[in-house]
Amino acid sequence: MTPYLEPLLVRLHHLLQVPKVAVQEAAIGAIAATATGAEENFTPYLHQVAPIMVQLLPLTDERMLKLKGRAMDCMARMALA
C-alpha cells in the first residue's frame, strides 16, 4: 500500500475541494480508511491531512454536521495509525 499512499492522498485532497458535501464526506471517509490500512506508514502524511480536518471541526451548520463527524472520525483514525 505504501507506494500508492501519496498519489491516493493527492487525489482525495482534490476531492475535498469539490463543492458537494457528499463528495467531501466520501473523501474524508476514504482518508480515514487509508490511515487505518496504512497504519504507521500514514505518519508522513499527517502534517498535510490533519490541518484540513481541523478546519472542519468548528462547523455548526446542521447540514454540515455529518461532514464534521467524518472529520472527527478521520482524526481519531489518524491518531491510531
Protein backbone atom coordinates (compact mmCIF):
# COMPACT_ATOMS: atom_id res chain seq x y z
CA MET A 1 0.00 0.00 0.00
CA THR A 2 2.89 2.39 0.73
CA PRO A 3 3.75 3.22 -2.90
CA TYR A 4 0.12 4.18 -3.51
CA LEU A 5 -0.33 6.42 -0.48
CA GLU A 6 0.90 9.69 -1.95
CA PRO A 7 -0.99 9.53 -5.27
CA LEU A 8 -4.11 8.33 -3.47
CA LEU A 9 -3.98 11.14 -0.91
CA VAL A 10 -3.35 13.72 -3.64
CA ARG A 11 -6.50 12.57 -5.44
CA LEU A 12 -8.51 12.54 -2.23
CA HIS A 13 -7.29 16.05 -1.43
CA HIS A 14 -8.61 17.18 -4.82
CA LEU A 15 -11.97 15.63 -3.99
CA LEU A 16 -12.09 17.66 -0.78
CA GLN A 17 -12.11 20.77 -2.97
CA VAL A 18 -15.31 19.69 -4.78
CA PRO A 19 -18.17 21.90 -3.54
CA LYS A 20 -20.53 18.94 -2.96
CA VAL A 21 -20.70 17.91 0.69
CA ALA A 22 -21.40 14.26 -0.17
CA VAL A 23 -18.18 14.09 -2.19
CA GLN A 24 -16.23 15.70 0.65
CA GLU A 25 -17.73 13.22 3.14
CA ALA A 26 -16.73 10.30 0.93
CA ALA A 27 -13.20 11.68 0.52
CA ILE A 28 -12.79 12.07 4.28
CA GLY A 29 -14.07 8.54 4.81
CA ALA A 30 -11.56 7.28 2.28
CA ILE A 31 -8.75 9.17 4.01
CA ALA A 32 -9.78 7.64 7.34
CA ALA A 33 -9.82 4.15 5.82
CA THR A 34 -6.44 4.80 4.24
CA ALA A 35 -4.99 5.84 7.59
CA THR A 36 -6.38 2.69 9.18
CA GLY A 37 -4.95 0.46 6.46
CA ALA A 38 -1.59 2.20 6.18
CA GLU A 39 -1.02 2.31 9.95
CA GLU A 40 2.45 3.76 10.72
CA ASN A 41 3.08 4.36 7.01
CA PHE A 42 0.46 7.13 7.18
CA THR A 43 2.55 9.17 9.64
CA PRO A 44 4.45 11.21 6.98
CA TYR A 45 1.12 12.50 5.67
CA LEU A 46 -0.32 13.65 8.99
CA HIS A 47 1.07 17.18 8.63
CA GLN A 48 -0.81 17.54 5.33
CA VAL A 49 -4.12 15.95 6.29
CA ALA A 50 -4.64 16.95 9.93
CA PRO A 51 -4.92 20.72 9.27
CA ILE A 52 -7.66 20.08 6.71
CA MET A 53 -9.64 18.06 9.24
CA VAL A 54 -9.10 20.67 11.97
CA GLN A 55 -10.63 23.34 9.69
CA LEU A 56 -13.87 21.35 9.62
CA LEU A 57 -14.25 20.95 13.38
CA PRO A 58 -15.80 24.38 14.08
CA LEU A 59 -18.68 23.75 11.63
CA THR A 60 -22.07 24.38 13.24
CA ASP A 61 -24.42 24.41 10.25
CA GLU A 62 -26.78 21.47 10.68
CA ARG A 63 -26.28 20.45 7.04
CA MET A 64 -22.54 20.16 7.70
CA LEU A 65 -22.64 18.14 10.92
CA LYS A 66 -22.13 14.82 9.12
CA LEU A 67 -19.05 16.28 7.43
CA LYS A 68 -17.79 17.45 10.81
CA GLY A 69 -18.41 13.98 12.26
CA ARG A 70 -16.46 12.39 9.41
CA ALA A 71 -13.58 14.77 10.09
CA MET A 72 -13.61 13.85 13.78
CA ASP A 73 -13.63 10.14 12.93
CA CYS A 74 -10.78 10.70 10.48
CA MET A 75 -8.73 12.50 13.14
CA ALA A 76 -9.27 9.58 15.53
CA ARG A 77 -8.22 7.04 12.94
CA MET A 78 -5.12 9.05 12.04
CA ALA A 79 -4.21 9.20 15.73
CA LEU A 80 -4.43 5.41 15.95
CA ALA A 81 -2.39 4.86 12.77
